[in-house]
N, C-alpha and C. Protein backbone atom coordinates (compact mmCIF):
# COMPACT_ATOMS: atom_id res chain seq x y z
N MET A 1 -7.08 -11.45 -12.83
CA MET A 1 -7.07 -11.35 -11.49
C MET A 1 -5.88 -10.84 -10.98
N SER A 2 -5.75 -9.74 -10.34
CA SER A 2 -4.55 -9.26 -9.59
C SER A 2 -4.51 -9.70 -8.26
N GLN A 3 -3.27 -9.68 -7.73
CA GLN A 3 -3.04 -10.10 -6.23
C GLN A 3 -3.59 -9.02 -5.24
N ARG A 4 -3.90 -9.53 -4.17
CA ARG A 4 -4.51 -8.58 -3.17
C ARG A 4 -3.34 -8.08 -2.22
N LEU A 5 -2.49 -8.92 -1.90
CA LEU A 5 -1.34 -8.58 -1.05
C LEU A 5 -0.10 -8.49 -1.92
N ARG A 6 0.49 -7.36 -1.77
CA ARG A 6 1.88 -7.16 -2.54
C ARG A 6 3.00 -7.84 -1.82
N GLY A 7 3.82 -8.38 -2.65
CA GLY A 7 4.93 -9.05 -2.02
C GLY A 7 5.94 -8.10 -1.41
N ILE A 8 6.66 -8.45 -0.42
CA ILE A 8 7.65 -7.64 0.22
C ILE A 8 8.91 -7.76 -0.56
N LEU A 9 9.40 -6.60 -1.00
CA LEU A 9 10.68 -6.52 -1.82
C LEU A 9 11.90 -6.71 -0.81
N ASP A 10 13.08 -7.06 -1.42
CA ASP A 10 14.17 -7.18 -0.68
C ASP A 10 14.69 -6.07 0.29
N ASP A 11 14.61 -4.82 -0.36
CA ASP A 11 14.90 -3.59 0.34
C ASP A 11 13.89 -3.19 1.31
N GLU A 12 12.69 -3.73 1.25
CA GLU A 12 11.60 -3.58 2.40
C GLU A 12 11.72 -4.55 3.61
N ALA A 13 12.21 -5.49 3.27
CA ALA A 13 12.25 -6.72 4.34
C ALA A 13 13.19 -6.32 5.46
N ALA A 14 12.45 -6.70 6.70
CA ALA A 14 13.17 -6.48 7.81
C ALA A 14 12.58 -7.57 8.83
N GLY A 15 13.59 -7.84 9.96
CA GLY A 15 13.28 -8.83 10.93
C GLY A 15 13.07 -10.13 10.34
N ALA A 16 11.87 -10.76 10.60
CA ALA A 16 11.60 -12.19 10.33
C ALA A 16 11.72 -12.29 8.69
N ALA A 17 10.94 -11.24 7.97
CA ALA A 17 10.93 -11.22 6.65
C ALA A 17 12.34 -11.39 5.94
N LYS A 18 13.17 -10.57 6.42
CA LYS A 18 14.60 -10.56 5.93
C LYS A 18 15.37 -11.93 6.25
N ASP A 19 15.11 -12.44 7.40
CA ASP A 19 15.61 -13.81 7.74
C ASP A 19 15.12 -14.78 6.74
N LEU A 20 13.77 -14.74 6.58
CA LEU A 20 13.20 -15.86 5.58
C LEU A 20 13.82 -15.68 4.27
N PHE A 21 13.95 -14.50 3.70
CA PHE A 21 14.65 -14.19 2.44
C PHE A 21 15.91 -14.71 2.35
N GLU A 22 16.87 -14.44 3.41
CA GLU A 22 18.18 -14.96 3.31
C GLU A 22 18.28 -16.42 3.41
N GLY A 23 17.26 -17.10 4.22
CA GLY A 23 17.29 -18.55 4.22
C GLY A 23 16.79 -19.08 2.90
N SER A 24 15.90 -18.50 2.19
CA SER A 24 15.37 -18.88 1.01
C SER A 24 16.54 -18.90 -0.13
N ASN A 25 17.14 -17.78 -0.08
CA ASN A 25 18.42 -17.64 -1.04
C ASN A 25 19.35 -18.73 -0.75
N LYS A 26 19.58 -19.15 0.50
CA LYS A 26 20.59 -20.16 0.67
C LYS A 26 20.04 -21.47 0.35
N LEU A 27 18.85 -21.93 0.73
CA LEU A 27 18.22 -23.22 0.25
C LEU A 27 18.04 -23.30 -1.17
N LEU A 28 17.29 -22.31 -1.76
CA LEU A 28 16.59 -22.47 -2.99
C LEU A 28 17.41 -21.65 -4.14
N GLY A 29 18.13 -20.68 -3.69
CA GLY A 29 18.99 -19.83 -4.66
C GLY A 29 18.21 -18.51 -5.04
N ARG A 30 17.09 -18.41 -4.53
CA ARG A 30 16.25 -17.25 -4.78
C ARG A 30 15.16 -17.18 -3.88
N THR A 31 14.25 -16.11 -3.92
CA THR A 31 13.15 -15.96 -3.10
C THR A 31 11.96 -15.83 -3.96
N ALA A 32 11.01 -16.90 -3.86
CA ALA A 32 9.89 -17.30 -4.69
C ALA A 32 8.80 -16.10 -4.43
N ASN A 33 8.09 -15.55 -5.25
CA ASN A 33 6.97 -14.59 -5.32
C ASN A 33 6.09 -14.86 -4.16
N LEU A 34 5.66 -16.23 -4.05
CA LEU A 34 4.69 -16.58 -2.99
C LEU A 34 5.28 -16.37 -1.57
N LEU A 35 6.61 -16.67 -1.41
CA LEU A 35 7.15 -16.41 -0.30
C LEU A 35 7.28 -14.97 0.24
N ARG A 36 7.38 -14.11 -0.91
CA ARG A 36 7.40 -12.73 -0.57
C ARG A 36 6.03 -12.17 -0.05
N ILE A 37 4.92 -12.85 -0.51
CA ILE A 37 3.62 -12.43 -0.03
C ILE A 37 3.33 -13.23 1.25
N LEU A 38 3.79 -14.43 1.51
CA LEU A 38 3.47 -15.05 2.77
C LEU A 38 4.33 -14.34 3.81
N ALA A 39 5.43 -13.61 3.51
CA ALA A 39 6.25 -13.02 4.59
C ALA A 39 5.42 -12.05 5.35
N HIS A 40 4.16 -11.76 4.98
CA HIS A 40 3.36 -10.89 5.77
C HIS A 40 3.02 -11.63 7.10
N SER A 41 3.00 -12.97 6.98
CA SER A 41 2.75 -13.85 8.14
C SER A 41 4.01 -14.63 8.18
N PRO A 42 5.03 -14.42 8.94
CA PRO A 42 6.23 -15.03 9.04
C PRO A 42 6.13 -16.50 9.47
N GLU A 43 5.24 -16.92 10.37
CA GLU A 43 5.08 -18.25 10.79
C GLU A 43 4.65 -19.12 9.52
N LEU A 44 3.67 -18.73 8.81
CA LEU A 44 3.21 -19.29 7.61
C LEU A 44 4.24 -19.46 6.63
N ALA A 45 5.04 -18.35 6.41
CA ALA A 45 6.17 -18.37 5.44
C ALA A 45 7.37 -19.33 5.90
N ARG A 46 7.61 -19.46 7.18
CA ARG A 46 8.62 -20.45 7.67
C ARG A 46 8.11 -21.83 7.30
N TRP A 47 6.88 -22.11 7.49
CA TRP A 47 6.33 -23.54 7.11
C TRP A 47 6.39 -23.76 5.73
N TYR A 48 5.95 -22.79 4.92
CA TYR A 48 6.02 -23.08 3.45
C TYR A 48 7.58 -23.25 3.01
N LEU A 49 8.53 -22.39 3.43
CA LEU A 49 9.98 -22.46 3.10
C LEU A 49 10.40 -23.96 3.34
N GLY A 50 10.11 -24.33 4.61
CA GLY A 50 10.53 -25.79 4.91
C GLY A 50 9.91 -26.83 4.04
N PHE A 51 8.76 -26.62 3.84
CA PHE A 51 7.88 -27.57 2.96
C PHE A 51 8.50 -27.60 1.58
N VAL A 52 8.77 -26.49 0.98
CA VAL A 52 9.41 -26.42 -0.38
C VAL A 52 10.75 -26.96 -0.44
N ALA A 53 11.50 -26.74 0.63
CA ALA A 53 12.90 -27.08 0.63
C ALA A 53 12.86 -28.67 0.73
N ALA A 54 12.04 -29.25 1.48
CA ALA A 54 11.92 -30.70 1.72
C ALA A 54 11.41 -31.48 0.56
N VAL A 55 10.58 -30.82 -0.22
CA VAL A 55 10.17 -31.45 -1.47
C VAL A 55 10.95 -31.30 -2.66
N ARG A 56 11.74 -30.17 -2.85
CA ARG A 56 12.31 -29.91 -3.94
C ARG A 56 13.98 -29.82 -3.73
N GLN A 57 14.54 -29.78 -2.55
CA GLN A 57 16.09 -29.69 -2.60
C GLN A 57 16.50 -31.12 -1.95
N PRO A 58 17.48 -31.67 -2.64
CA PRO A 58 17.88 -32.93 -2.34
C PRO A 58 18.84 -32.80 -1.01
N ARG A 59 19.33 -31.66 -0.88
CA ARG A 59 20.26 -31.21 0.28
C ARG A 59 19.24 -31.17 1.49
N ALA A 60 18.00 -30.90 1.36
CA ALA A 60 16.96 -31.00 2.59
C ALA A 60 16.17 -32.08 2.63
N GLY A 61 16.53 -33.23 1.82
CA GLY A 61 16.02 -34.46 2.19
C GLY A 61 14.80 -34.97 1.06
N ALA A 62 14.76 -34.19 -0.03
CA ALA A 62 13.94 -34.45 -1.12
C ALA A 62 14.43 -35.81 -1.92
N VAL A 63 13.50 -36.86 -2.10
CA VAL A 63 13.92 -38.06 -2.74
C VAL A 63 13.27 -38.35 -4.16
N SER A 64 12.39 -37.37 -4.54
CA SER A 64 11.95 -37.44 -5.72
C SER A 64 12.70 -37.06 -6.92
N ASP A 65 12.49 -37.78 -8.09
CA ASP A 65 13.27 -37.49 -9.22
C ASP A 65 13.11 -36.11 -9.79
N VAL A 66 14.27 -35.42 -10.13
CA VAL A 66 14.10 -34.02 -10.48
C VAL A 66 13.21 -33.96 -11.77
N ARG A 67 13.25 -34.89 -12.60
CA ARG A 67 12.48 -34.77 -13.85
C ARG A 67 10.94 -34.82 -13.43
N LEU A 68 10.67 -35.69 -12.55
CA LEU A 68 9.20 -35.77 -12.14
C LEU A 68 8.79 -34.42 -11.45
N ARG A 69 9.60 -33.84 -10.57
CA ARG A 69 9.21 -32.57 -10.14
C ARG A 69 9.16 -31.56 -11.03
N ASN A 70 9.92 -31.51 -12.03
CA ASN A 70 9.87 -30.44 -12.95
C ASN A 70 8.54 -30.63 -13.88
N LEU A 71 8.17 -31.87 -14.24
CA LEU A 71 6.91 -32.17 -14.90
C LEU A 71 5.76 -31.76 -14.02
N ALA A 72 5.75 -31.95 -12.82
CA ALA A 72 4.69 -31.55 -11.78
C ALA A 72 4.45 -30.05 -11.95
N VAL A 73 5.68 -29.24 -11.89
CA VAL A 73 5.51 -27.87 -11.77
C VAL A 73 4.93 -27.36 -13.38
N LEU A 74 5.45 -28.03 -14.36
CA LEU A 74 4.85 -27.57 -15.80
C LEU A 74 3.46 -27.83 -15.79
N LYS A 75 3.03 -29.07 -15.37
CA LYS A 75 1.55 -29.47 -15.36
C LYS A 75 0.73 -28.66 -14.51
N THR A 76 1.18 -28.31 -13.27
CA THR A 76 0.37 -27.40 -12.38
C THR A 76 0.35 -26.07 -13.09
N SER A 77 1.42 -25.49 -13.57
CA SER A 77 1.50 -24.22 -14.32
C SER A 77 0.33 -24.24 -15.43
N THR A 78 0.35 -25.20 -16.27
CA THR A 78 -0.56 -25.34 -17.39
C THR A 78 -1.93 -25.33 -16.94
N ILE A 79 -2.28 -26.03 -15.91
CA ILE A 79 -3.65 -26.23 -15.50
C ILE A 79 -4.09 -24.80 -14.80
N ASN A 80 -3.18 -24.02 -14.21
CA ASN A 80 -3.64 -22.79 -13.59
C ASN A 80 -3.48 -21.65 -14.56
N GLY A 81 -3.18 -21.94 -15.85
CA GLY A 81 -3.08 -20.90 -16.91
C GLY A 81 -2.07 -20.11 -16.69
N CYS A 82 -0.95 -20.51 -16.26
CA CYS A 82 0.31 -19.67 -16.20
C CYS A 82 0.87 -19.23 -17.49
N LYS A 83 1.21 -18.19 -17.69
CA LYS A 83 1.74 -17.71 -18.98
C LYS A 83 3.16 -17.75 -19.17
N TYR A 84 3.93 -17.92 -18.03
CA TYR A 84 5.38 -17.92 -18.16
C TYR A 84 5.98 -19.29 -17.48
């Protein structure tokens, strides 16, 4: 299955998308592929970025154990047939 919406690349990002990518790089150290796709709808992308930061980043209030979060990522990837 291929994605229907292409993610916005860094050099294509403008306005709200560019701001989102800069914020993501500050909070998470990178811009996730899903955020690049969600950037077509900046309001949804802002919500997603805040949610991910709150769940995964201790600086943003995450209180779950990092090993448990990594296990959840691996299990979710396995269930979804992720190959990388």
